[in-house]
Amino acid sequence: MNKDKERELLKKRVFELYKPPFTFNCGYIFDTDGQMMADETQAMRAHIQHVARIRGWGRLSYFEHPEALQDMCGEVVAEALTDYWTKHESNQGNK
C-alpha cells in the first residue's frame, strides 16, 4: 500500500474513533463521547513550547499500527488548529 493511501486510511480511523465537538476541561481535550484525546503536561504549564500531548495509547494500542494511528491523531489536531487559526486570522483582517 502506498503512503498516501495508508495516511488516508489512518485519518479515516481517527475520525471514526474521535467525534466532534471537542471540549477542553481542566487541561484535557475530550471528544463528544468523553474520550480523552489530548492533555497538557506540567512542562506546558511551565511555559515550555508545547500545545498538547496526544493521548489514548491504552485505547489505540489495540488497533493495527497504533504508533502511526497516534501520530495521525496529532496531525489531525495540528490541521484543525491551523485551519481554525487561518480562518480566525483572516476574519480579523490580520493576514
N, C-alpha and C. Protein backbone atom coordinates (compact mmCIF):
# COMPACT_ATOMS: atom_id res chain seq x y z
N MET A 1 0.85 -1.18 0.00
CA MET A 1 0.00 0.00 0.00
C MET A 1 0.89 1.24 0.00
N ASN A 2 0.54 2.23 -0.81
CA ASN A 2 1.38 3.43 -0.86
C ASN A 2 1.11 4.33 0.36
N LYS A 3 2.05 5.24 0.61
CA LYS A 3 1.99 6.10 1.81
C LYS A 3 0.74 6.96 1.86
N ASP A 4 0.34 7.53 0.71
CA ASP A 4 -0.85 8.39 0.70
C ASP A 4 -2.11 7.61 1.07
N LYS A 5 -2.24 6.41 0.54
CA LYS A 5 -3.41 5.58 0.85
C LYS A 5 -3.40 5.19 2.32
N GLU A 6 -2.21 4.84 2.84
CA GLU A 6 -2.08 4.48 4.24
C GLU A 6 -2.46 5.65 5.14
N ARG A 7 -2.01 6.85 4.79
CA ARG A 7 -2.34 8.04 5.57
C ARG A 7 -3.84 8.33 5.56
N GLU A 8 -4.47 8.16 4.41
CA GLU A 8 -5.91 8.40 4.32
C GLU A 8 -6.69 7.38 5.16
N LEU A 9 -6.24 6.13 5.17
CA LEU A 9 -6.90 5.11 6.00
C LEU A 9 -6.72 5.42 7.48
N LEU A 10 -5.53 5.87 7.87
CA LEU A 10 -5.30 6.26 9.26
C LEU A 10 -6.17 7.44 9.66
N LYS A 11 -6.26 8.42 8.79
CA LYS A 11 -7.08 9.60 9.08
C LYS A 11 -8.55 9.21 9.23
N LYS A 12 -9.01 8.32 8.36
CA LYS A 12 -10.39 7.85 8.45
C LYS A 12 -10.62 7.17 9.80
N ARG A 13 -9.65 6.38 10.25
CA ARG A 13 -9.77 5.69 11.53
C ARG A 13 -9.83 6.69 12.68
N VAL A 14 -9.02 7.74 12.61
CA VAL A 14 -9.05 8.77 13.65
C VAL A 14 -10.44 9.37 13.75
N PHE A 15 -11.05 9.69 12.61
CA PHE A 15 -12.39 10.29 12.63
C PHE A 15 -13.47 9.30 13.05
N GLU A 16 -13.19 8.00 12.94
CA GLU A 16 -14.11 7.00 13.47
C GLU A 16 -13.98 6.90 14.98
N LEU A 17 -12.78 7.11 15.51
CA LEU A 17 -12.53 6.97 16.94
C LEU A 17 -12.92 8.19 17.75
N TYR A 18 -12.70 9.37 17.21
CA TYR A 18 -12.96 10.61 17.95
C TYR A 18 -14.00 11.44 17.21
N LYS A 19 -15.04 11.85 17.95
CA LYS A 19 -16.18 12.57 17.35
C LYS A 19 -16.28 13.99 17.89
N PRO A 20 -16.45 14.96 16.99
CA PRO A 20 -16.69 16.34 17.45
C PRO A 20 -18.11 16.48 17.99
N PRO A 21 -18.39 17.50 18.70
CA PRO A 21 -17.50 18.59 19.05
C PRO A 21 -16.57 18.19 20.20
N PHE A 22 -15.41 18.84 20.25
CA PHE A 22 -14.42 18.59 21.28
C PHE A 22 -14.52 19.67 22.34
N THR A 23 -14.16 19.31 23.56
CA THR A 23 -14.18 20.27 24.65
C THR A 23 -12.83 20.24 25.37
N PHE A 24 -12.49 21.37 25.95
CA PHE A 24 -11.29 21.49 26.78
C PHE A 24 -11.76 21.73 28.20
N ASN A 25 -11.33 20.87 29.13
CA ASN A 25 -11.76 21.00 30.51
C ASN A 25 -10.63 20.57 31.43
N CYS A 26 -10.20 21.48 32.29
CA CYS A 26 -9.18 21.19 33.30
C CYS A 26 -7.91 20.58 32.70
N GLY A 27 -7.49 21.06 31.54
CA GLY A 27 -6.24 20.61 30.94
C GLY A 27 -6.37 19.42 30.01
N TYR A 28 -7.59 18.96 29.74
CA TYR A 28 -7.80 17.80 28.88
C TYR A 28 -8.71 18.15 27.71
N ILE A 29 -8.49 17.51 26.56
CA ILE A 29 -9.37 17.64 25.42
C ILE A 29 -10.14 16.34 25.28
N PHE A 30 -11.47 16.44 25.29
CA PHE A 30 -12.35 15.28 25.17
C PHE A 30 -13.20 15.39 23.91
N ASP A 31 -13.56 14.22 23.34
CA ASP A 31 -14.50 14.25 22.23
C ASP A 31 -15.92 14.21 22.79
N THR A 32 -16.92 14.19 21.92
CA THR A 32 -18.31 14.24 22.35
C THR A 32 -18.72 13.03 23.19
N ASP A 33 -18.00 11.89 23.02
CA ASP A 33 -18.30 10.69 23.80
C ASP A 33 -17.49 10.60 25.09
N GLY A 34 -16.74 11.65 25.41
CA GLY A 34 -15.96 11.66 26.64
C GLY A 34 -14.62 10.97 26.53
N GLN A 35 -14.19 10.64 25.31
CA GLN A 35 -12.88 10.02 25.11
C GLN A 35 -11.80 11.10 25.16
N MET A 36 -10.79 10.91 26.03
CA MET A 36 -9.71 11.88 26.11
C MET A 36 -8.82 11.73 24.89
N MET A 37 -8.54 12.85 24.23
CA MET A 37 -7.67 12.83 23.05
C MET A 37 -6.32 13.46 23.33
N ALA A 38 -6.29 14.46 24.18
CA ALA A 38 -5.04 15.16 24.44
C ALA A 38 -5.11 15.81 25.82
N ASP A 39 -3.93 16.15 26.32
CA ASP A 39 -3.88 16.88 27.58
C ASP A 39 -2.68 17.80 27.58
N GLU A 40 -2.64 18.66 28.61
CA GLU A 40 -1.46 19.47 28.80
C GLU A 40 -0.61 18.79 29.87
N THR A 41 0.67 19.08 29.89
CA THR A 41 1.56 18.46 30.87
C THR A 41 2.12 19.52 31.80
N GLN A 42 2.82 19.08 32.82
CA GLN A 42 3.48 20.03 33.72
C GLN A 42 4.44 20.93 32.96
N ALA A 43 5.14 20.36 31.95
CA ALA A 43 6.08 21.15 31.15
C ALA A 43 5.34 22.28 30.43
N MET A 44 4.14 22.00 29.95
CA MET A 44 3.37 23.03 29.26
C MET A 44 2.97 24.14 30.22
N ARG A 45 2.62 23.76 31.43
CA ARG A 45 2.25 24.77 32.42
C ARG A 45 3.45 25.62 32.81
N ALA A 46 4.65 25.08 32.62
CA ALA A 46 5.88 25.82 32.91
C ALA A 46 6.32 26.64 31.70
N HIS A 47 5.43 26.79 30.73
CA HIS A 47 5.63 27.63 29.54
C HIS A 47 6.69 27.09 28.59
N ILE A 48 6.90 25.78 28.59
CA ILE A 48 7.73 25.16 27.56
C ILE A 48 6.87 25.04 26.32
N GLN A 49 7.44 25.20 25.15
CA GLN A 49 6.68 25.34 23.91
C GLN A 49 6.02 24.03 23.45
N HIS A 50 4.86 23.71 24.01
CA HIS A 50 4.04 22.57 23.59
C HIS A 50 2.60 23.06 23.51
N VAL A 51 1.84 22.48 22.62
CA VAL A 51 0.41 22.79 22.57
C VAL A 51 -0.36 21.75 23.37
N ALA A 52 -0.14 20.48 23.07
CA ALA A 52 -0.84 19.41 23.77
C ALA A 52 -0.08 18.10 23.56
N ARG A 53 -0.36 17.16 24.43
CA ARG A 53 0.21 15.83 24.31
C ARG A 53 -0.91 14.90 23.86
N ILE A 54 -0.71 14.22 22.74
CA ILE A 54 -1.73 13.31 22.21
C ILE A 54 -1.80 12.10 23.12
N ARG A 55 -3.01 11.75 23.51
CA ARG A 55 -3.24 10.66 24.46
C ARG A 55 -4.00 9.52 23.79
N GLY A 56 -4.35 8.55 24.58
CA GLY A 56 -5.17 7.45 24.10
C GLY A 56 -4.41 6.18 23.83
N TRP A 57 -3.14 6.10 24.30
CA TRP A 57 -2.35 4.93 23.98
C TRP A 57 -3.03 3.64 24.47
N GLY A 58 -3.61 3.65 25.64
CA GLY A 58 -4.29 2.45 26.14
C GLY A 58 -5.37 1.98 25.19
N ARG A 59 -6.09 2.90 24.62
CA ARG A 59 -7.15 2.58 23.66
C ARG A 59 -6.57 2.25 22.29
N LEU A 60 -5.64 3.06 21.82
CA LEU A 60 -5.11 2.91 20.47
C LEU A 60 -4.22 1.67 20.33
N SER A 61 -3.63 1.22 21.41
CA SER A 61 -2.68 0.10 21.32
C SER A 61 -3.34 -1.19 20.86
N TYR A 62 -4.65 -1.27 20.90
CA TYR A 62 -5.35 -2.47 20.45
C TYR A 62 -5.61 -2.50 18.95
N PHE A 63 -5.35 -1.38 18.27
CA PHE A 63 -5.59 -1.30 16.83
C PHE A 63 -4.32 -1.63 16.06
N GLU A 64 -4.50 -1.93 14.79
CA GLU A 64 -3.36 -2.18 13.92
C GLU A 64 -2.56 -0.89 13.75
N HIS A 65 -1.25 -0.97 13.79
CA HIS A 65 -0.34 0.17 13.64
C HIS A 65 -0.66 1.30 14.62
N PRO A 66 -0.66 1.01 15.93
CA PRO A 66 -1.06 2.02 16.91
C PRO A 66 -0.18 3.26 16.93
N GLU A 67 1.13 3.10 16.69
CA GLU A 67 2.02 4.27 16.70
C GLU A 67 1.64 5.23 15.58
N ALA A 68 1.41 4.68 14.40
CA ALA A 68 1.02 5.51 13.26
C ALA A 68 -0.34 6.15 13.49
N LEU A 69 -1.24 5.44 14.13
CA LEU A 69 -2.57 5.97 14.42
C LEU A 69 -2.48 7.14 15.40
N GLN A 70 -1.63 7.00 16.43
CA GLN A 70 -1.46 8.09 17.38
C GLN A 70 -0.81 9.30 16.70
N ASP A 71 0.16 9.04 15.84
CA ASP A 71 0.78 10.14 15.09
C ASP A 71 -0.26 10.86 14.22
N MET A 72 -1.15 10.09 13.60
CA MET A 72 -2.17 10.71 12.76
C MET A 72 -3.14 11.53 13.60
N CYS A 73 -3.44 11.10 14.82
CA CYS A 73 -4.26 11.92 15.72
C CYS A 73 -3.61 13.28 15.92
N GLY A 74 -2.31 13.27 16.13
CA GLY A 74 -1.58 14.52 16.29
C GLY A 74 -1.64 15.38 15.04
N GLU A 75 -1.51 14.75 13.88
CA GLU A 75 -1.59 15.51 12.62
C GLU A 75 -2.97 16.11 12.43
N VAL A 76 -4.02 15.37 12.79
CA VAL A 76 -5.38 15.88 12.66
C VAL A 76 -5.59 17.08 13.58
N VAL A 77 -5.07 16.99 14.80
CA VAL A 77 -5.18 18.12 15.73
C VAL A 77 -4.43 19.33 15.17
N ALA A 78 -3.24 19.11 14.65
CA ALA A 78 -2.45 20.21 14.07
C ALA A 78 -3.17 20.84 12.88
N GLU A 79 -3.75 20.01 12.02
CA GLU A 79 -4.51 20.54 10.87
C GLU A 79 -5.70 21.36 11.34
N ALA A 80 -6.41 20.86 12.36
CA ALA A 80 -7.58 21.59 12.87
C ALA A 80 -7.18 22.93 13.47
N LEU A 81 -6.09 22.95 14.23
CA LEU A 81 -5.61 24.20 14.80
C LEU A 81 -5.20 25.19 13.70
N THR A 82 -4.51 24.68 12.69
CA THR A 82 -4.09 25.54 11.58
C THR A 82 -5.29 26.09 10.84
N ASP A 83 -6.27 25.23 10.55
CA ASP A 83 -7.49 25.69 9.86
C ASP A 83 -8.21 26.75 10.67
N TYR A 84 -8.37 26.50 11.97
CA TYR A 84 -9.04 27.47 12.83
C TYR A 84 -8.27 28.79 12.87
N TRP A 85 -6.98 28.68 13.07
CA TRP A 85 -6.14 29.88 13.18
C TRP A 85 -6.20 30.69 11.90
N THR A 86 -6.09 30.02 10.77
CA THR A 86 -6.13 30.70 9.48
C THR A 86 -7.47 31.40 9.29
N LYS A 87 -8.54 30.72 9.59
CA LYS A 87 -9.88 31.32 9.46
C LYS A 87 -10.04 32.50 10.41
N HIS A 88 -9.61 32.32 11.64
CA HIS A 88 -9.74 33.39 12.63
C HIS A 88 -8.92 34.61 12.24
N GLU A 89 -7.70 34.39 11.84
CA GLU A 89 -6.83 35.49 11.43
C GLU A 89 -7.39 36.23 10.23
N SER A 90 -7.92 35.48 9.24
CA SER A 90 -8.46 36.14 8.05
C SER A 90 -9.72 36.92 8.39
N ASN A 91 -10.50 36.46 9.38
CA ASN A 91 -11.69 37.20 9.80
C ASN A 91 -11.33 38.46 10.57
N GLN A 92 -10.13 38.49 11.14
CA GLN A 92 -9.69 39.66 11.89
C GLN A 92 -9.01 40.69 10.98
N GLY A 93 -8.76 40.30 9.73
CA GLY A 93 -8.11 41.22 8.81
C GLY A 93 -6.62 41.35 9.07
N ASN A 94 -6.04 40.37 9.78
CA ASN A 94 -4.62 40.45 10.13
C ASN A 94 -3.74 39.58 9.24
N LYS A 95 -4.25 39.12 8.15
CA LYS A 95 -3.50 38.22 7.31
C LYS A 95 -2.58 38.93 6.38
